[in-house]
Amino acid sequence: MNAHPGPRAIDGQTVLVTGGAGFVGSHLIRRLLQQHPDVRVVSVDNYFTGTVERQVDDPRVTYLNASTVELSKVWASEGLPRPEFVFHFGEYSRVVRSLEEPDLTWEYNLRGTKEVVDFTRRHGAKIVYAGSSSKFGNDGQDERLNPYAWTKAKNVEYLANYSQWYGLDYVVAYFYNVYGPGHIRTGKYATVIGIFEDHFERGLPLPVVSPGTQTRDFTHVDDIISGILLCAEFGEGDGYLLGTGTEWPILEVAEMLGGPIEFTPALPGERTRGRADISKAVQLGYTVTRTLPDYIAEFKRGLADGRAR
């Protein structure tokens, strides 16, 4: 197999972002454009949870409405140049909902990712894969709790094997409960912090899934993007956990916002704890710059300022 080329530069390259109209993908595209004036970005998104409103109006970005299953065909039909990096975020990414939508989970996370991996190898690119922190809970047993966690864990195995078989250059970065501007606040794919914000603004009780003692490592999207770019340029292989290293009980997060709380029934497929060991990412230069209490305080100040005007 060919040896991996080592660190790669983003400047002046073509970069593919699957899920580029989604929450994390759109933030990544904005940062790429800010930090690398000569970069060209192509987004491939089927707009399952992505939105046109998240698109960036910039001539350096091309948005393609397509499934990752069709990636090679679409890329060829558009006559696009060889990408240097493939940031693969375009998968099904909800834990509990995957139990209700196993077919979609299979299509996006297994079939789609297979096509993205094949595409990456054929172009000699490096793939940056968004792993799921759900695989680490309960000594690794939590990866069997739901179709989402299982498919994500299998994809990491696939990448490692594929790299041995064909010399694929890859890195896996694990996201821990990403929040920040643009996260989904309503509907069945909404995030915890997004739901809490929406209910708080409307004066509704904050829905806390029982028992409320389950913990998560909430990570601001700005820190996630910084970690992703470090992994892209300098990381290799598996094991880069992007979180804060702090776990917050869900009930305590709701209490930070204040107001009434309403407990909802426990959900199948949920893990009880989540905290990132960020030591390997720190070796690349990853640092945590944003904290959840500060974010919530800023959110509440913003609401108060708006109401005072």
Protein backbone atom coordinates (compact mmCIF):
# COMPACT_ATOMS: atom_id res chain seq x y z
CA MET A 1 0.00 0.00 0.00
CA ASN A 2 1.08 3.58 -0.58
CA ALA A 3 2.26 5.44 2.50
CA HIS A 4 0.12 8.33 3.68
CA PRO A 5 1.54 11.65 2.43
CA GLY A 6 1.74 13.25 5.89
CA PRO A 7 0.43 16.74 6.66
CA ARG A 8 -1.61 18.29 3.87
CA ALA A 9 -2.28 21.97 3.23
CA ILE A 10 -5.76 23.34 2.56
CA ASP A 11 -4.67 26.59 0.90
CA GLY A 12 -5.32 26.63 -2.82
CA GLN A 13 -7.07 23.25 -2.83
CA THR A 14 -10.50 21.96 -3.77
CA VAL A 15 -12.37 20.65 -0.74
CA LEU A 16 -15.52 18.53 -0.64
CA VAL A 17 -17.92 18.89 2.29
CA THR A 18 -20.76 16.39 2.42
CA GLY A 19 -23.63 17.82 4.41
CA GLY A 20 -22.37 21.32 3.65
CA ALA A 21 -25.81 22.88 4.14
CA GLY A 22 -26.12 21.34 7.60
CA PHE A 23 -25.26 22.82 10.97
CA VAL A 24 -21.61 21.74 11.32
CA GLY A 25 -20.93 21.62 7.58
CA SER A 26 -22.04 25.22 7.03
CA HIS A 27 -19.86 26.45 9.89
CA LEU A 28 -16.91 24.55 8.41
CA ILE A 29 -17.44 26.14 5.00
CA ARG A 30 -17.53 29.64 6.50
CA ARG A 31 -14.30 29.03 8.41
CA LEU A 32 -12.58 27.58 5.33
CA LEU A 33 -13.47 30.68 3.35
CA GLN A 34 -12.29 32.97 6.14
CA GLN A 35 -8.95 31.27 6.71
CA HIS A 36 -8.07 30.15 3.17
CA PRO A 37 -8.74 32.80 0.50
CA ASP A 38 -7.72 30.51 -2.37
CA VAL A 39 -9.76 27.47 -1.36
CA ARG A 40 -12.56 26.09 -3.52
CA VAL A 41 -15.38 24.31 -1.67
CA VAL A 42 -17.96 21.92 -3.08
CA SER A 43 -20.93 20.96 -0.90
CA VAL A 44 -22.92 17.80 -1.61
CA ASP A 45 -26.09 17.71 0.46
CA ASN A 46 -29.49 16.07 -0.01
CA TYR A 47 -31.10 18.67 2.30
CA PHE A 48 -32.51 16.08 4.65
CA THR A 49 -31.65 18.31 7.60
CA GLY A 50 -29.62 20.88 5.66
CA THR A 51 -31.26 24.11 4.53
CA VAL A 52 -30.78 26.61 1.73
CA GLU A 53 -30.67 29.36 4.37
CA ARG A 54 -27.35 27.99 5.63
CA GLN A 55 -25.70 28.32 2.24
CA VAL A 56 -22.92 30.87 1.85
CA ASP A 57 -23.19 33.34 -1.03
CA ASP A 58 -19.61 33.14 -2.27
CA PRO A 59 -18.27 32.30 -5.75
CA ARG A 60 -15.74 29.94 -4.18
CA VAL A 61 -18.54 27.58 -3.06
CA THR A 62 -20.56 25.23 -5.28
CA TYR A 63 -23.68 23.65 -3.80
CA LEU A 64 -24.94 20.37 -5.28
CA ASN A 65 -28.29 18.91 -4.24
CA ALA A 66 -27.51 15.21 -4.32
CA SER A 67 -27.17 12.11 -2.19
CA THR A 68 -23.74 10.77 -1.25
CA VAL A 69 -24.79 7.54 -2.96
CA GLU A 70 -24.60 9.48 -6.24
CA LEU A 71 -21.37 11.31 -5.40
CA SER A 72 -19.07 9.95 -8.12
CA LYS A 73 -21.69 10.38 -10.85
CA VAL A 74 -22.55 13.93 -9.81
CA TRP A 75 -18.91 14.96 -9.46
CA ALA A 76 -18.08 13.69 -12.94
CA SER A 77 -21.15 15.30 -14.51
CA GLU A 78 -20.14 18.69 -13.08
CA GLY A 79 -16.56 18.36 -14.35
CA LEU A 80 -15.12 19.23 -10.96
CA PRO A 81 -11.37 19.05 -10.19
CA ARG A 82 -9.75 16.51 -7.90
CA PRO A 83 -10.40 17.29 -4.23
CA GLU A 84 -7.54 17.30 -1.72
CA PHE A 85 -9.85 16.82 1.28
CA VAL A 86 -13.23 15.17 1.80
CA PHE A 87 -15.00 16.27 4.98
CA HIS A 88 -17.73 13.68 5.40
CA PHE A 89 -20.57 15.01 7.57
CA GLY A 90 -23.50 14.02 5.34
CA GLU A 91 -24.91 11.13 7.36
CA TYR A 92 -27.97 10.40 9.46
CA SER A 93 -27.13 11.87 12.85
CA ARG A 94 -29.83 11.36 15.45
CA VAL A 95 -29.54 8.67 18.10
CA VAL A 96 -33.07 7.91 19.27
CA ARG A 97 -34.75 8.70 15.94
CA SER A 98 -32.65 6.08 14.19
CA LEU A 99 -34.73 3.40 15.91
CA GLU A 100 -37.73 4.79 14.03
CA GLU A 101 -35.89 5.25 10.73
CA PRO A 102 -33.48 2.31 10.35
CA ASP A 103 -33.72 2.28 6.56
CA LEU A 104 -32.65 5.90 6.27
CA THR A 105 -29.85 5.27 8.75
CA TRP A 106 -28.62 2.34 6.67
CA GLU A 107 -28.87 4.26 3.37
CA TYR A 108 -27.05 7.37 4.54
CA ASN A 109 -24.56 5.90 7.00
CA LEU A 110 -23.54 2.65 5.33
CA ARG A 111 -24.32 2.83 1.63
CA GLY A 112 -23.60 6.54 1.33
CA THR A 113 -20.37 6.36 3.30
CA LYS A 114 -19.14 3.42 1.22
CA GLU A 115 -19.49 5.58 -1.89
CA VAL A 116 -17.74 8.54 -0.24
CA VAL A 117 -14.82 6.36 0.85
CA ASP A 118 -14.44 4.86 -2.64
CA PHE A 119 -14.59 8.35 -4.16
CA THR A 120 -11.90 9.59 -1.76
CA ARG A 121 -9.49 6.79 -2.63
CA ARG A 122 -9.96 7.15 -6.37
CA HIS A 123 -9.03 10.84 -6.14
CA GLY A 124 -6.10 10.37 -3.78
CA ALA A 125 -7.76 12.67 -1.25
CA LYS A 126 -7.81 12.57 2.54
CA ILE A 127 -11.13 11.86 4.25
CA VAL A 128 -12.03 13.55 7.52
CA TYR A 129 -14.80 11.44 9.02
CA ALA A 130 -17.22 12.65 11.69
CA GLY A 131 -17.31 9.76 14.14
CA SER A 132 -19.93 9.48 16.87
CA SER A 133 -19.12 9.75 20.56
CA SER A 134 -21.95 7.27 21.17
CA LYS A 135 -19.54 4.37 20.57
CA PHE A 136 -17.50 5.10 23.69
CA GLY A 137 -20.19 4.75 26.34
CA ASN A 138 -20.41 1.77 28.68
CA ASP A 139 -17.00 0.39 27.71
CA GLY A 140 -18.00 0.33 24.07
CA GLN A 141 -21.29 -1.50 24.61
CA ASP A 142 -23.37 1.57 23.83
CA GLU A 143 -22.59 1.28 20.13
CA ARG A 144 -25.28 -1.43 20.05
CA LEU A 145 -28.00 0.73 21.62
CA ASN A 146 -29.42 1.99 18.33
CA PRO A 147 -28.91 1.82 14.55
CA TYR A 148 -27.16 5.20 14.47
CA ALA A 149 -24.46 4.29 17.00
CA TRP A 150 -23.93 0.88 15.42
CA THR A 151 -23.57 2.14 11.84
CA LYS A 152 -21.20 4.91 12.91
CA ALA A 153 -19.02 2.43 14.81
CA LYS A 154 -18.97 0.06 11.83
CA ASN A 155 -17.91 2.90 9.53
CA VAL A 156 -14.86 3.59 11.69
CA GLU A 157 -13.91 -0.08 11.42
CA TYR A 158 -14.47 0.11 7.67
CA LEU A 159 -12.17 3.11 7.33
CA ALA A 160 -9.39 1.38 9.27
CA ASN A 161 -9.70 -1.78 7.18
CA TYR A 162 -9.99 0.14 3.92
CA SER A 163 -6.85 2.06 4.78
CA GLN A 164 -4.95 -1.22 5.23
CA TRP A 165 -6.37 -2.66 2.01
CA TYR A 166 -5.92 0.36 -0.26
CA GLY A 167 -3.77 2.94 1.51
CA LEU A 168 -6.61 5.37 2.22
CA ASP A 169 -5.52 8.55 4.01
CA TYR A 170 -8.08 9.14 6.76
CA VAL A 171 -8.70 10.70 10.14
CA VAL A 172 -11.65 10.28 12.48
CA ALA A 173 -12.82 13.17 14.67
CA TYR A 174 -15.56 12.50 17.22
CA PHE A 175 -18.08 15.25 17.90
CA TYR A 176 -19.53 15.66 21.38
CA ASN A 177 -23.00 17.25 21.47
CA VAL A 178 -22.35 20.25 19.26
CA TYR A 179 -24.29 23.45 19.93
CA GLY A 180 -24.13 27.04 18.75
CA PRO A 181 -25.63 29.47 16.22
CA GLY A 182 -27.68 27.63 13.63
CA HIS A 183 -28.32 24.40 15.54
CA ILE A 184 -31.73 22.84 14.98
CA ARG A 185 -34.24 24.12 17.53
CA THR A 186 -37.54 22.58 16.47
CA GLY A 187 -38.79 19.34 14.96
CA LYS A 188 -37.78 15.76 15.48
CA TYR A 189 -34.10 16.35 14.62
CA ALA A 190 -33.64 19.23 17.08
CA THR A 191 -30.72 19.22 19.52
CA VAL A 192 -30.99 19.41 23.30
CA ILE A 193 -29.66 22.96 23.61
CA GLY A 194 -31.70 24.04 20.61
CA ILE A 195 -34.90 22.66 22.15
CA PHE A 196 -34.16 24.33 25.47
CA GLU A 197 -33.57 27.69 23.75
CA ASP A 198 -36.80 27.44 21.77
CA HIS A 199 -38.90 26.54 24.80
CA PHE A 200 -37.26 29.19 26.98
CA GLU A 201 -37.95 31.93 24.43
CA ARG A 202 -41.60 30.90 24.16
CA GLY A 203 -42.05 30.68 27.93
CA LEU A 204 -42.67 26.93 27.85
CA PRO A 205 -41.37 24.37 30.35
CA LEU A 206 -38.01 22.91 29.39
CA PRO A 207 -38.48 19.21 28.50
CA VAL A 208 -35.95 17.10 30.40
CA VAL A 209 -35.84 13.42 29.55
CA SER A 210 -36.09 11.37 32.74
CA PRO A 211 -34.24 10.97 35.00
CA GLY A 212 -32.24 14.09 34.09
CA THR A 213 -29.03 12.74 35.61
CA GLN A 214 -27.75 11.51 32.24
CA THR A 215 -24.74 13.58 31.20
CA ARG A 216 -23.38 15.02 27.96
CA ASP A 217 -20.21 16.84 26.99
CA PHE A 218 -21.59 19.92 25.22
CA THR A 219 -19.14 21.47 22.75
CA HIS A 220 -19.46 24.81 20.98
CA VAL A 221 -19.38 24.58 17.20
CA ASP A 222 -16.47 27.06 17.00
CA ASP A 223 -14.25 24.64 18.94
CA ILE A 224 -15.47 21.69 16.88
CA ILE A 225 -14.50 23.46 13.64
CA SER A 226 -11.05 24.34 14.99
CA GLY A 227 -10.54 20.70 15.95
CA ILE A 228 -11.74 19.45 12.57
CA LEU A 229 -9.25 21.62 10.70
CA LEU A 230 -6.38 20.51 12.93
CA CYS A 231 -7.32 16.88 12.30
CA ALA A 232 -7.54 17.51 8.57
CA GLU A 233 -4.09 18.98 8.24
CA PHE A 234 -2.15 17.08 10.92
CA GLY A 235 -4.20 14.14 12.23
CA GLU A 236 -3.95 10.55 11.10
CA GLY A 237 -6.12 7.54 11.87
CA ASP A 238 -8.61 7.16 14.67
CA GLY A 239 -9.16 8.58 18.14
CA TYR A 240 -9.48 12.39 18.02
CA LEU A 241 -12.25 13.25 20.47
CA LEU A 242 -13.51 16.82 20.15
CA GLY A 243 -15.29 17.85 23.31
CA THR A 244 -14.55 19.84 26.44
CA GLY A 245 -13.70 17.06 28.87
CA THR A 246 -16.60 18.17 31.09
CA GLU A 247 -19.92 16.35 31.44
CA TRP A 248 -23.12 18.17 32.32
CA PRO A 249 -26.26 16.51 33.72
CA ILE A 250 -29.18 17.44 31.47
CA LEU A 251 -31.24 18.65 34.43
CA GLU A 252 -28.42 20.97 35.50
CA VAL A 253 -28.27 22.45 32.00
CA ALA A 254 -32.02 23.17 32.13
CA GLU A 255 -31.61 24.77 35.55
CA MET A 256 -28.87 27.02 34.13
CA LEU A 257 -31.45 28.54 31.82
CA GLY A 258 -34.04 28.80 34.56
CA GLY A 259 -37.81 28.62 34.46
CA PRO A 260 -40.15 25.67 34.75
CA ILE A 261 -38.99 22.14 33.90
CA GLU A 262 -41.11 19.27 32.65
CA PHE A 263 -39.84 15.70 32.84
CA THR A 264 -40.58 13.50 29.84
CA PRO A 265 -40.43 9.70 29.67
CA ALA A 266 -37.06 8.02 29.22
CA LEU A 267 -36.23 7.22 25.61
CA PRO A 268 -35.00 3.92 24.18
CA GLY A 269 -31.46 3.86 22.82
CA GLU A 270 -30.09 6.67 24.99
CA ARG A 271 -26.78 6.41 26.84
CA THR A 272 -26.38 7.54 30.41
CA ARG A 273 -23.04 9.36 30.23
CA GLY A 274 -20.91 11.25 27.78
CA ARG A 275 -17.51 12.88 28.30
CA ALA A 276 -14.64 13.31 25.86
CA ASP A 277 -11.04 12.36 26.55
CA ILE A 278 -9.51 15.17 24.49
CA SER A 279 -5.87 14.29 25.17
CA LYS A 280 -5.09 13.04 21.66
CA ALA A 281 -6.69 16.09 20.04
CA VAL A 282 -4.76 18.37 22.40
CA GLN A 283 -1.54 16.94 20.97
CA LEU A 284 -2.51 18.52 17.65
CA GLY A 285 -3.05 21.89 19.34
CA TYR A 286 -6.76 21.58 20.07
CA THR A 287 -8.00 23.89 22.82
CA VAL A 288 -11.41 24.58 24.33
CA THR A 289 -12.32 28.27 24.06
CA ARG A 290 -16.08 28.26 24.67
CA THR A 291 -18.01 26.92 27.67
CA LEU A 292 -21.67 26.05 28.02
CA PRO A 293 -22.35 28.32 31.04
CA ASP A 294 -20.89 31.31 29.18
CA TYR A 295 -22.94 30.51 26.09
CA ILE A 296 -26.17 30.24 28.09
CA ALA A 297 -25.39 33.51 29.88
CA GLU A 298 -24.81 35.20 26.50
CA PHE A 299 -28.05 33.76 25.16
CA LYS A 300 -30.04 35.08 28.10
CA ARG A 301 -28.38 38.50 27.90
CA GLY A 302 -29.21 38.68 24.21
CA LEU A 303 -32.86 37.94 24.90
CA ALA A 304 -33.00 40.53 27.69
CA ASP A 305 -31.36 43.17 25.50
CA GLY A 306 -33.79 42.46 22.68
CA ARG A 307 -36.80 42.79 24.96
CA ALA A 308 -35.47 46.02 26.45
CA ARG A 309 -35.27 47.78 23.06
